[in-house]
Amino acid sequence: MPVANSPESLALTDEERRTIKNWVDDGALRGVPPPPGAAKTKAEKIAAGRRLFTSICAACHQPTGLGRPNVFPPLAGSDYLNANKDRAIQTVIFGRQGEVVVNGQKFNNSMPSFPLTDGDIANVLTFVYNSFGNSGLEVTPEEVNALRAHPPAPSKTPVPKNAFE
């Protein structure tokens, strides 16, 4: 789902918006259990994460991970990302709104929560951590699942679920 008011979001028809809203309302927030052939090795997670990154994250953070200056923060060599894996996981689970400082630059925008499974989030973050000059960490579905019960502090208010209505 593209970020609200982005060119990609503005291109959606009302019918497409209703379809996405109904999909989320019907339980897509947690997605579906991973298929039996789900990524298991780090290399498989990186490959699966690359596909997700390309289709979801690259619209804002760019295919290079460099983001958009003064609009969307970079993931490439990101001090913010590499400093706290739990915070990165929570950002993808719950979204993020408000000011953030990445590599010494301030950004003040919104990142929505996405209806991704624990495995999807683990894969995309494993890809990001192993790309763009980042730390090489691996994220597991178990880590993602454990953090679903821990929303970020109130100062990091998640984007409302109805932000795309």
C-alpha atoms as a PDB file:
ATOM      1  CA  MET A   1       0.000   0.000   0.000  1.00  0.00           C
ATOM      2  CA  PRO A   2       1.576   3.297  -0.993  1.00  0.00           C
ATOM      3  CA  VAL A   3       1.978   6.137   1.488  1.00  0.00           C
ATOM      4  CA  ALA A   4      -0.998   8.505   1.690  1.00  0.00           C
ATOM      5  CA  ASN A   5      -0.883  11.427  -0.744  1.00  0.00           C
ATOM      6  CA  SER A   6       2.059   9.951  -2.641  1.00  0.00           C
ATOM      7  CA  PRO A   7       1.762   9.793  -6.434  1.00  0.00           C
ATOM      8  CA  GLU A   8       1.232   6.058  -6.111  1.00  0.00           C
ATOM      9  CA  SER A   9      -1.569   6.514  -3.557  1.00  0.00           C
ATOM     10  CA  LEU A  10      -3.270   9.246  -5.550  1.00  0.00           C
ATOM     11  CA  ALA A  11      -3.365   6.907  -8.551  1.00  0.00           C
ATOM     12  CA  LEU A  12      -5.576   4.393  -6.687  1.00  0.00           C
ATOM     13  CA  THR A  13      -9.258   4.401  -7.552  1.00  0.00           C
ATOM     14  CA  ASP A  14     -11.929   4.560  -4.850  1.00  0.00           C
ATOM     15  CA  GLU A  15     -12.784   0.946  -5.622  1.00  0.00           C
ATOM     16  CA  GLU A  16      -9.140  -0.116  -5.147  1.00  0.00           C
ATOM     17  CA  ARG A  17      -9.025   1.773  -1.827  1.00  0.00           C
ATOM     18  CA  ARG A  18     -12.200  -0.002  -0.657  1.00  0.00           C
ATOM     19  CA  THR A  19     -10.748  -3.360  -1.684  1.00  0.00           C
ATOM     20  CA  ILE A  20      -7.566  -2.720   0.313  1.00  0.00           C
ATOM     21  CA  LYS A  21      -9.531  -1.401   3.300  1.00  0.00           C
ATOM     22  CA  ASN A  22     -11.804  -4.470   3.286  1.00  0.00           C
ATOM     23  CA  TRP A  23      -8.781  -6.741   2.992  1.00  0.00           C
ATOM     24  CA  VAL A  24      -7.195  -5.171   6.082  1.00  0.00           C
ATOM     25  CA  ASP A  25     -10.524  -5.098   7.979  1.00  0.00           C
ATOM     26  CA  ASP A  26     -10.987  -8.799   7.243  1.00  0.00           C
ATOM     27  CA  GLY A  27      -7.768  -9.714   9.018  1.00  0.00           C
ATOM     28  CA  ALA A  28      -4.892  -8.958   6.664  1.00  0.00           C
ATOM     29  CA  LEU A  29      -3.081  -7.145   9.466  1.00  0.00           C
ATOM     30  CA  ARG A  30      -1.348 -10.408  10.413  1.00  0.00           C
ATOM     31  CA  GLY A  31      -1.375 -11.839   6.924  1.00  0.00           C
ATOM     32  CA  VAL A  32      -1.494 -15.586   6.476  1.00  0.00           C
ATOM     33  CA  PRO A  33       0.820 -18.265   7.814  1.00  0.00           C
ATOM     34  CA  PRO A  34       3.953 -18.673   5.712  1.00  0.00           C
ATOM     35  CA  PRO A  35       3.805 -21.443   3.151  1.00  0.00           C
ATOM     36  CA  PRO A  36       5.716 -24.649   3.854  1.00  0.00           C
ATOM     37  CA  GLY A  37       8.494 -23.504   1.503  1.00  0.00           C
ATOM     38  CA  ALA A  38       9.063 -20.233   3.403  1.00  0.00           C
ATOM     39  CA  ALA A  39      12.574 -18.771   3.491  1.00  0.00           C
ATOM     40  CA  LYS A  40      14.763 -20.550   6.009  1.00  0.00           C
ATOM     41  CA  THR A  41      18.374 -19.689   5.275  1.00  0.00           C
ATOM     42  CA  LYS A  42      19.716 -16.175   5.478  1.00  0.00           C
ATOM     43  CA  ALA A  43      20.233 -16.147   1.700  1.00  0.00           C
ATOM     44  CA  GLU A  44      16.601 -17.209   1.143  1.00  0.00           C
ATOM     45  CA  LYS A  45      15.402 -14.489   3.541  1.00  0.00           C
ATOM     46  CA  ILE A  46      17.462 -11.882   1.697  1.00  0.00           C
ATOM     47  CA  ALA A  47      16.040 -12.975  -1.672  1.00  0.00           C
ATOM     48  CA  ALA A  48      12.446 -12.927  -0.378  1.00  0.00           C
ATOM     49  CA  GLY A  49      13.083  -9.609   1.365  1.00  0.00           C
ATOM     50  CA  ARG A  50      14.471  -8.085  -1.842  1.00  0.00           C
ATOM     51  CA  ARG A  51      11.190  -8.889  -3.621  1.00  0.00           C
ATOM     52  CA  LEU A  52       9.152  -7.262  -0.847  1.00  0.00           C
ATOM     53  CA  PHE A  53      11.454  -4.245  -0.670  1.00  0.00           C
ATOM     54  CA  THR A  54      11.167  -3.701  -4.419  1.00  0.00           C
ATOM     55  CA  SER A  55       7.379  -3.892  -4.405  1.00  0.00           C
ATOM     56  CA  ILE A  56       6.642  -1.983  -1.177  1.00  0.00           C
ATOM     57  CA  CYS A  57       9.549  -0.041   0.314  1.00  0.00           C
ATOM     58  CA  ALA A  58      11.382   1.213  -2.765  1.00  0.00           C
ATOM     59  CA  ALA A  59       8.589   3.639  -3.664  1.00  0.00           C
ATOM     60  CA  CYS A  60       9.647   5.848  -0.750  1.00  0.00           C
ATOM     61  CA  HIS A  61      13.115   4.664   0.250  1.00  0.00           C
ATOM     62  CA  GLN A  62      14.150   4.219  -3.407  1.00  0.00           C
ATOM     63  CA  PRO A  63      15.660   1.084  -4.988  1.00  0.00           C
ATOM     64  CA  THR A  64      19.096   2.283  -3.850  1.00  0.00           C
ATOM     65  CA  GLY A  65      17.969   2.712  -0.235  1.00  0.00           C
ATOM     66  CA  LEU A  66      18.989   6.382  -0.373  1.00  0.00           C
ATOM     67  CA  GLY A  67      15.477   7.677   0.372  1.00  0.00           C
ATOM     68  CA  ARG A  68      14.251  11.048  -0.832  1.00  0.00           C
ATOM     69  CA  PRO A  69      16.093  14.069   0.602  1.00  0.00           C
ATOM     70  CA  ASN A  70      13.991  15.995   3.126  1.00  0.00           C
ATOM     71  CA  VAL A  71      11.052  13.608   2.553  1.00  0.00           C
ATOM     72  CA  PHE A  72      11.862   9.929   3.248  1.00  0.00           C
ATOM     73  CA  PRO A  73      14.945   8.885   5.226  1.00  0.00           C
ATOM     74  CA  PRO A  74      17.684   6.731   3.760  1.00  0.00           C
ATOM     75  CA  LEU A  75      18.049   3.111   4.740  1.00  0.00           C
ATOM     76  CA  ALA A  76      21.517   2.988   3.186  1.00  0.00           C
ATOM     77  CA  GLY A  77      24.161   3.191   5.895  1.00  0.00           C
ATOM     78  CA  SER A  78      21.428   4.313   8.306  1.00  0.00           C
ATOM     79  CA  ASP A  79      22.629   5.067  11.825  1.00  0.00           C
ATOM     80  CA  TYR A  80      18.995   5.036  12.991  1.00  0.00           C
ATOM     81  CA  LEU A  81      18.337   1.583  11.521  1.00  0.00           C
ATOM     82  CA  ASN A  82      21.606   0.018  12.652  1.00  0.00           C
ATOM     83  CA  ALA A  83      21.430   1.392  16.211  1.00  0.00           C
ATOM     84  CA  ASN A  84      18.360  -0.534  17.355  1.00  0.00           C
ATOM     85  CA  LYS A  85      16.983  -3.662  15.687  1.00  0.00           C
ATOM     86  CA  ASP A  86      13.885  -3.791  17.921  1.00  0.00           C
ATOM     87  CA  ARG A  87      13.000  -0.206  16.999  1.00  0.00           C
ATOM     88  CA  ALA A  88      13.368  -1.045  13.297  1.00  0.00           C
ATOM     89  CA  ILE A  89      11.071  -4.052  13.681  1.00  0.00           C
ATOM     90  CA  GLN A  90       8.476  -1.976  15.568  1.00  0.00           C
ATOM     91  CA  THR A  91       8.612   0.702  12.884  1.00  0.00           C
ATOM     92  CA  VAL A  92       7.666  -1.809  10.202  1.00  0.00           C
ATOM     93  CA  ILE A  93       4.981  -3.439  12.400  1.00  0.00           C
ATOM     94  CA  PHE A  94       3.306  -0.278  13.700  1.00  0.00           C
ATOM     95  CA  GLY A  95       4.387   2.427  11.269  1.00  0.00           C
ATOM     96  CA  ARG A  96       5.880   5.696  12.432  1.00  0.00           C
ATOM     97  CA  GLN A  97       4.847   9.308  12.417  1.00  0.00           C
ATOM     98  CA  GLY A  98       6.785  12.420  13.320  1.00  0.00           C
ATOM     99  CA  GLU A  99      10.334  13.639  13.333  1.00  0.00           C
ATOM    100  CA  VAL A 100      13.265  11.276  13.075  1.00  0.00           C
ATOM    101  CA  VAL A 101      16.964  12.043  12.654  1.00  0.00           C
ATOM    102  CA  VAL A 102      18.837   9.746  10.277  1.00  0.00           C
ATOM    103  CA  ASN A 103      22.512  10.218   9.489  1.00  0.00           C
ATOM    104  CA  GLY A 104      22.328  13.722  10.982  1.00  0.00           C
ATOM    105  CA  GLN A 105      19.352  14.879   8.883  1.00  0.00           C
ATOM    106  CA  LYS A 106      15.827  15.502  10.172  1.00  0.00           C
ATOM    107  CA  PHE A 107      12.841  13.922   8.459  1.00  0.00           C
ATOM    108  CA  ASN A 108       9.235  14.532   9.432  1.00  0.00           C
ATOM    109  CA  ASN A 109       6.859  12.286   7.559  1.00  0.00           C
ATOM    110  CA  SER A 110       4.708   9.201   8.068  1.00  0.00           C
ATOM    111  CA  MET A 111       5.371   5.563   7.453  1.00  0.00           C
ATOM    112  CA  PRO A 112       2.230   3.433   7.531  1.00  0.00           C
ATOM    113  CA  SER A 113       2.020   0.020   9.073  1.00  0.00           C
ATOM    114  CA  PHE A 114       1.792  -2.656   6.422  1.00  0.00           C
ATOM    115  CA  PRO A 115      -0.279  -5.867   6.539  1.00  0.00           C
ATOM    116  CA  LEU A 116       2.764  -8.136   6.502  1.00  0.00           C
ATOM    117  CA  THR A 117       3.333 -11.455   8.204  1.00  0.00           C
ATOM    118  CA  ASP A 118       6.071 -11.900  10.785  1.00  0.00           C
ATOM    119  CA  GLY A 119       8.071 -13.785   8.148  1.00  0.00           C
ATOM    120  CA  ASP A 120       7.639 -11.003   5.590  1.00  0.00           C
ATOM    121  CA  ILE A 121       8.847  -8.378   8.053  1.00  0.00           C
ATOM    122  CA  ALA A 122      11.800 -10.566   9.049  1.00  0.00           C
ATOM    123  CA  ASN A 123      12.706 -11.088   5.398  1.00  0.00           C
ATOM    124  CA  VAL A 124      12.485  -7.457   4.319  1.00  0.00           C
ATOM    125  CA  LEU A 125      14.490  -6.251   7.316  1.00  0.00           C
ATOM    126  CA  THR A 126      17.080  -9.015   6.807  1.00  0.00           C
ATOM    127  CA  PHE A 127      17.401  -7.807   3.203  1.00  0.00           C
ATOM    128  CA  VAL A 128      17.791  -4.160   4.286  1.00  0.00           C
ATOM    129  CA  TYR A 129      20.294  -5.037   7.024  1.00  0.00           C
ATOM    130  CA  ASN A 130      22.342  -6.993   4.469  1.00  0.00           C
ATOM    131  CA  SER A 131      22.200  -4.316   1.764  1.00  0.00           C
ATOM    132  CA  PHE A 132      23.154  -0.687   1.314  1.00  0.00           C
ATOM    133  CA  GLY A 133      26.200  -0.865   3.586  1.00  0.00           C
ATOM    134  CA  ASN A 134      24.246  -1.822   6.712  1.00  0.00           C
ATOM    135  CA  SER A 135      25.255  -4.051   9.628  1.00  0.00           C
ATOM    136  CA  GLY A 136      24.452  -7.519   8.206  1.00  0.00           C
ATOM    137  CA  LEU A 137      21.984  -8.473  10.934  1.00  0.00           C
ATOM    138  CA  GLU A 138      19.363 -11.153  10.493  1.00  0.00           C
ATOM    139  CA  VAL A 139      15.790 -10.708  11.776  1.00  0.00           C
ATOM    140  CA  THR A 140      13.693 -13.728  12.696  1.00  0.00           C
ATOM    141  CA  PRO A 141       9.910 -14.125  12.571  1.00  0.00           C
ATOM    142  CA  GLU A 142      10.059 -14.942  16.291  1.00  0.00           C
ATOM    143  CA  GLU A 143      11.631 -11.544  17.052  1.00  0.00           C
ATOM    144  CA  VAL A 144       8.915  -9.823  15.023  1.00  0.00           C
ATOM    145  CA  ASN A 145       6.154 -11.791  16.760  1.00  0.00           C
ATOM    146  CA  ALA A 146       7.531 -10.951  20.220  1.00  0.00           C
ATOM    147  CA  LEU A 147       7.517  -7.217  19.416  1.00  0.00           C
ATOM    148  CA  ARG A 148       3.930  -7.143  18.077  1.00  0.00           C
ATOM    149  CA  ALA A 149       2.782  -6.945  21.707  1.00  0.00           C
ATOM    150  CA  HIS A 150       4.987  -3.887  22.373  1.00  0.00           C
ATOM    151  CA  PRO A 151       3.825  -0.791  20.487  1.00  0.00           C
ATOM    152  CA  PRO A 152       6.288   2.101  20.432  1.00  0.00           C
ATOM    153  CA  ALA A 153       6.135   4.838  23.067  1.00  0.00           C
ATOM    154  CA  PRO A 154       3.323   7.409  22.650  1.00  0.00           C
ATOM    155  CA  SER A 155       5.745   9.983  21.209  1.00  0.00           C
ATOM    156  CA  LYS A 156       6.122   7.637  18.241  1.00  0.00           C
ATOM    157  CA  THR A 157       2.426   7.365  17.459  1.00  0.00           C
ATOM    158  CA  PRO A 158       1.658   4.744  14.837  1.00  0.00           C
ATOM    159  CA  VAL A 159      -0.124   5.823  11.679  1.00  0.00           C
ATOM    160  CA  PRO A 160      -3.877   5.221  12.156  1.00  0.00           C
ATOM    161  CA  LYS A 161      -5.244   2.152  10.396  1.00  0.00           C
ATOM    162  CA  ASN A 162      -7.748   4.351   8.563  1.00  0.00           C
ATOM    163  CA  ALA A 163      -5.078   6.688   7.171  1.00  0.00           C
ATOM    164  CA  PHE A 164      -5.893   5.584   3.623  1.00  0.00           C
ATOM    165  CA  GLU A 165      -9.616   6.286   3.724  1.00  0.00           C
END
